[in-house]
């Protein structure tokens, strides 16, 4: 996306990002705070901020918690750093 303003038409890129999620449901992701979660839903117009079910923190299992990266104030500065693998199709 770094070339989004020069290599691609910005309007087409925005439509593409809203229609094709980089983090589809069922993908396991690693967060910048060390937590791991499963993508359970996507946020319209904020494709990089899905809703996750967090199940690990710092390599330790935790009670599953649903977190919406788009709206949760505790996760405002947390980003997805890595896609680990696909687990299930939801």
N, C-alpha and C. Protein backbone atom coordinates (compact mmCIF):
# COMPACT_ATOMS: atom_id res chain seq x y z
N UNK A 1 0.81 -1.19 0.00
CA UNK A 1 0.00 0.00 0.00
C UNK A 1 0.86 1.27 0.00
N UNK A 2 2.14 1.13 0.18
CA UNK A 2 3.01 2.30 0.23
C UNK A 2 2.97 3.10 -1.06
N UNK A 3 2.67 2.47 -2.19
CA UNK A 3 2.60 3.18 -3.46
C UNK A 3 1.18 3.57 -3.81
N UNK A 4 0.29 3.53 -2.86
CA UNK A 4 -1.12 3.77 -3.12
C UNK A 4 -1.45 5.09 -3.78
N UNK A 5 -0.62 6.11 -3.57
CA UNK A 5 -0.93 7.40 -4.16
C UNK A 5 -0.27 7.62 -5.51
N UNK A 6 0.59 6.71 -5.95
CA UNK A 6 1.27 6.92 -7.22
C UNK A 6 1.10 5.78 -8.20
N UNK A 7 1.15 4.55 -7.77
CA UNK A 7 1.09 3.41 -8.67
C UNK A 7 -0.34 3.00 -9.00
N UNK A 8 -1.30 3.36 -8.15
CA UNK A 8 -2.69 2.96 -8.33
C UNK A 8 -3.60 4.16 -8.21
N UNK A 9 -4.74 4.09 -8.87
CA UNK A 9 -5.76 5.12 -8.70
C UNK A 9 -6.28 5.01 -7.27
N UNK A 10 -6.20 6.08 -6.51
CA UNK A 10 -6.54 6.06 -5.08
C UNK A 10 -8.00 5.67 -4.85
N UNK A 11 -8.91 6.10 -5.70
CA UNK A 11 -10.33 5.76 -5.53
C UNK A 11 -10.57 4.27 -5.73
N UNK A 12 -9.90 3.70 -6.72
CA UNK A 12 -10.03 2.26 -6.97
C UNK A 12 -9.40 1.48 -5.82
N UNK A 13 -8.28 1.95 -5.31
CA UNK A 13 -7.62 1.29 -4.18
C UNK A 13 -8.52 1.29 -2.94
N UNK A 14 -9.19 2.40 -2.68
CA UNK A 14 -10.10 2.48 -1.52
C UNK A 14 -11.25 1.48 -1.66
N UNK A 15 -11.84 1.40 -2.85
CA UNK A 15 -12.92 0.44 -3.07
C UNK A 15 -12.42 -0.98 -2.88
N UNK A 16 -11.25 -1.27 -3.43
CA UNK A 16 -10.66 -2.60 -3.29
C UNK A 16 -10.45 -2.96 -1.82
N UNK A 17 -9.88 -2.06 -1.04
CA UNK A 17 -9.61 -2.32 0.37
C UNK A 17 -10.90 -2.51 1.17
N UNK A 18 -11.99 -1.88 0.75
CA UNK A 18 -13.26 -2.04 1.45
C UNK A 18 -13.97 -3.33 1.08
N UNK A 19 -13.64 -3.89 -0.07
CA UNK A 19 -14.31 -5.11 -0.54
C UNK A 19 -13.51 -6.38 -0.27
N UNK A 20 -12.20 -6.28 -0.24
CA UNK A 20 -11.34 -7.45 -0.07
C UNK A 20 -10.54 -7.26 1.22
N UNK A 21 -10.87 -8.02 2.22
CA UNK A 21 -10.21 -7.88 3.51
C UNK A 21 -8.84 -8.56 3.50
N UNK A 22 -7.82 -7.87 3.99
CA UNK A 22 -6.52 -8.51 4.11
C UNK A 22 -6.49 -9.56 5.23
N UNK A 23 -7.49 -9.51 6.11
CA UNK A 23 -7.58 -10.45 7.23
C UNK A 23 -8.97 -11.10 7.22
N UNK A 24 -9.18 -12.10 6.37
CA UNK A 24 -10.50 -12.74 6.30
C UNK A 24 -10.83 -13.53 7.56
N UNK A 25 -12.11 -13.76 7.77
CA UNK A 25 -12.56 -14.54 8.91
C UNK A 25 -11.87 -15.90 8.93
N UNK A 26 -11.46 -16.32 10.13
CA UNK A 26 -10.82 -17.61 10.29
C UNK A 26 -9.30 -17.57 10.30
N UNK A 27 -8.72 -16.41 10.07
CA UNK A 27 -7.26 -16.26 10.05
C UNK A 27 -6.77 -15.99 11.47
N UNK A 28 -5.71 -16.68 11.86
CA UNK A 28 -5.07 -16.43 13.14
C UNK A 28 -4.01 -15.36 12.96
N UNK A 29 -4.02 -14.36 13.84
CA UNK A 29 -3.09 -13.23 13.72
C UNK A 29 -2.33 -12.99 15.02
N UNK A 30 -1.16 -12.40 14.87
CA UNK A 30 -0.34 -11.97 16.00
C UNK A 30 -0.43 -10.46 16.10
N UNK A 31 -0.67 -9.95 17.31
CA UNK A 31 -0.77 -8.51 17.52
C UNK A 31 0.54 -7.93 18.04
N UNK A 32 0.69 -6.65 17.88
CA UNK A 32 1.92 -5.97 18.31
C UNK A 32 2.12 -6.02 19.82
N UNK A 33 1.08 -6.33 20.59
CA UNK A 33 1.21 -6.44 22.05
C UNK A 33 1.50 -7.88 22.49
N UNK A 34 1.72 -8.78 21.53
CA UNK A 34 2.06 -10.17 21.84
C UNK A 34 0.87 -11.11 21.93
N UNK A 35 -0.34 -10.58 21.84
CA UNK A 35 -1.54 -11.42 21.89
C UNK A 35 -1.77 -12.08 20.53
N UNK A 36 -2.45 -13.22 20.58
CA UNK A 36 -2.85 -13.92 19.36
C UNK A 36 -4.35 -14.05 19.36
N UNK A 37 -4.93 -13.94 18.18
CA UNK A 37 -6.37 -14.03 18.09
C UNK A 37 -6.82 -14.55 16.75
N UNK A 38 -8.10 -14.84 16.68
CA UNK A 38 -8.75 -15.34 15.49
C UNK A 38 -9.68 -14.26 14.96
N UNK A 39 -9.56 -13.94 13.68
CA UNK A 39 -10.46 -12.95 13.08
C UNK A 39 -11.85 -13.56 13.00
N UNK A 40 -12.83 -12.88 13.62
CA UNK A 40 -14.21 -13.38 13.62
C UNK A 40 -15.15 -12.48 12.84
N UNK A 41 -14.72 -11.24 12.53
CA UNK A 41 -15.55 -10.34 11.75
C UNK A 41 -14.67 -9.22 11.19
N UNK A 42 -15.15 -8.60 10.13
CA UNK A 42 -14.44 -7.49 9.52
C UNK A 42 -15.24 -6.21 9.69
N UNK A 43 -14.54 -5.09 9.73
CA UNK A 43 -15.15 -3.79 9.95
C UNK A 43 -15.23 -3.03 8.64
N UNK A 44 -16.44 -2.68 8.24
CA UNK A 44 -16.63 -1.92 7.00
C UNK A 44 -15.85 -0.61 7.09
N UNK A 45 -15.14 -0.29 6.05
CA UNK A 45 -14.35 0.93 5.91
C UNK A 45 -13.08 0.95 6.77
N UNK A 46 -12.84 -0.09 7.56
CA UNK A 46 -11.62 -0.19 8.36
C UNK A 46 -11.07 -1.61 8.26
N UNK A 47 -10.67 -1.99 7.07
CA UNK A 47 -10.30 -3.38 6.80
C UNK A 47 -9.08 -3.85 7.58
N UNK A 48 -8.27 -2.92 8.09
CA UNK A 48 -7.09 -3.31 8.86
C UNK A 48 -7.39 -3.42 10.36
N UNK A 49 -8.66 -3.24 10.76
CA UNK A 49 -9.06 -3.26 12.16
C UNK A 49 -10.23 -4.23 12.37
N UNK A 50 -10.02 -5.52 12.20
CA UNK A 50 -11.12 -6.49 12.35
C UNK A 50 -11.48 -6.74 13.82
N UNK A 51 -12.55 -7.50 14.01
CA UNK A 51 -12.93 -7.99 15.34
C UNK A 51 -12.25 -9.34 15.53
N UNK A 52 -11.63 -9.51 16.69
CA UNK A 52 -10.86 -10.72 16.98
C UNK A 52 -11.38 -11.42 18.23
N UNK A 53 -11.13 -12.72 18.29
CA UNK A 53 -11.31 -13.47 19.54
C UNK A 53 -9.89 -13.76 20.02
N UNK A 54 -9.49 -13.05 21.08
CA UNK A 54 -8.15 -13.22 21.65
C UNK A 54 -8.13 -14.48 22.48
N UNK A 55 -7.12 -15.35 22.25
CA UNK A 55 -7.04 -16.60 23.01
C UNK A 55 -5.66 -16.86 23.61
N UNK A 56 -4.68 -16.04 23.26
CA UNK A 56 -3.34 -16.19 23.85
C UNK A 56 -2.74 -14.81 24.11
N UNK A 57 -2.01 -14.71 25.21
CA UNK A 57 -1.29 -13.49 25.55
C UNK A 57 0.11 -13.89 26.00
N UNK A 58 1.10 -13.43 25.26
CA UNK A 58 2.50 -13.75 25.60
C UNK A 58 2.72 -15.25 25.72
N UNK A 59 2.21 -16.01 24.76
CA UNK A 59 2.36 -17.47 24.68
C UNK A 59 1.68 -18.24 25.80
N UNK A 60 0.72 -17.62 26.48
CA UNK A 60 -0.06 -18.31 27.50
C UNK A 60 -1.53 -18.23 27.13
N UNK A 61 -2.22 -19.34 27.25
CA UNK A 61 -3.65 -19.37 26.96
C UNK A 61 -4.41 -18.48 27.94
N UNK A 62 -5.39 -17.76 27.42
CA UNK A 62 -6.24 -16.90 28.25
C UNK A 62 -7.69 -17.22 27.92
N UNK A 63 -8.60 -16.83 28.80
CA UNK A 63 -10.02 -16.99 28.50
C UNK A 63 -10.32 -16.18 27.24
N UNK A 64 -10.97 -16.78 26.26
CA UNK A 64 -11.25 -16.07 25.02
C UNK A 64 -12.03 -14.78 25.26
N UNK A 65 -11.56 -13.71 24.63
CA UNK A 65 -12.17 -12.39 24.76
C UNK A 65 -12.35 -11.81 23.37
N UNK A 66 -13.53 -11.25 23.10
CA UNK A 66 -13.77 -10.62 21.81
C UNK A 66 -13.34 -9.15 21.89
N UNK A 67 -12.54 -8.75 20.92
CA UNK A 67 -12.00 -7.39 20.86
C UNK A 67 -12.23 -6.83 19.46
N UNK A 68 -12.84 -5.66 19.39
CA UNK A 68 -13.01 -4.96 18.12
C UNK A 68 -11.88 -3.94 18.00
N UNK A 69 -10.92 -4.22 17.13
CA UNK A 69 -9.78 -3.32 16.99
C UNK A 69 -10.19 -1.93 16.51
N UNK A 70 -11.34 -1.82 15.87
CA UNK A 70 -11.80 -0.53 15.36
C UNK A 70 -12.35 0.38 16.45
N UNK A 71 -12.84 -0.20 17.54
CA UNK A 71 -13.52 0.63 18.55
C UNK A 71 -12.97 0.51 19.97
N UNK A 72 -12.19 -0.51 20.26
CA UNK A 72 -11.72 -0.71 21.63
C UNK A 72 -10.60 0.27 21.99
N UNK A 73 -10.83 1.13 22.99
CA UNK A 73 -9.80 2.11 23.36
C UNK A 73 -8.51 1.46 23.85
N UNK A 74 -8.60 0.28 24.46
CA UNK A 74 -7.39 -0.39 24.95
C UNK A 74 -6.52 -0.94 23.82
N UNK A 75 -7.07 -0.99 22.61
CA UNK A 75 -6.35 -1.53 21.46
C UNK A 75 -6.09 -0.47 20.39
N UNK A 76 -6.23 0.78 20.74
CA UNK A 76 -6.06 1.88 19.78
C UNK A 76 -4.69 1.85 19.11
N UNK A 77 -3.64 1.54 19.86
CA UNK A 77 -2.28 1.54 19.30
C UNK A 77 -1.75 0.14 19.00
N UNK A 78 -2.63 -0.85 19.04
CA UNK A 78 -2.24 -2.23 18.76
C UNK A 78 -2.55 -2.52 17.29
N UNK A 79 -1.58 -3.15 16.62
CA UNK A 79 -1.77 -3.49 15.21
C UNK A 79 -1.53 -4.97 14.98
N UNK A 80 -2.02 -5.46 13.86
CA UNK A 80 -1.73 -6.84 13.45
C UNK A 80 -0.35 -6.84 12.81
N UNK A 81 0.54 -7.66 13.35
CA UNK A 81 1.91 -7.69 12.84
C UNK A 81 2.20 -8.88 11.95
N UNK A 82 1.38 -9.94 12.10
CA UNK A 82 1.67 -11.16 11.33
C UNK A 82 0.41 -12.01 11.20
N UNK A 83 0.26 -12.61 10.03
CA UNK A 83 -0.78 -13.62 9.83
C UNK A 83 -0.12 -14.96 10.11
N UNK A 84 -0.67 -15.72 11.07
CA UNK A 84 -0.05 -16.98 11.45
C UNK A 84 -0.53 -18.13 10.57
N UNK A 85 -1.83 -18.32 10.47
CA UNK A 85 -2.39 -19.29 9.54
C UNK A 85 -3.90 -19.29 9.62
N UNK A 86 -4.49 -19.97 8.66
CA UNK A 86 -5.93 -20.09 8.63
C UNK A 86 -6.33 -21.29 9.48
N UNK A 87 -7.33 -21.10 10.34
CA UNK A 87 -7.76 -22.18 11.22
C UNK A 87 -9.07 -22.77 10.74
N UNK A 88 -10.08 -21.95 10.61
CA UNK A 88 -11.40 -22.41 10.23
C UNK A 88 -12.06 -21.41 9.31
N UNK A 89 -13.09 -21.85 8.61
CA UNK A 89 -13.92 -20.95 7.83
C UNK A 89 -15.15 -20.67 8.65
N UNK A 90 -15.38 -19.41 8.97
CA UNK A 90 -16.52 -19.02 9.79
C UNK A 90 -17.69 -18.61 8.93
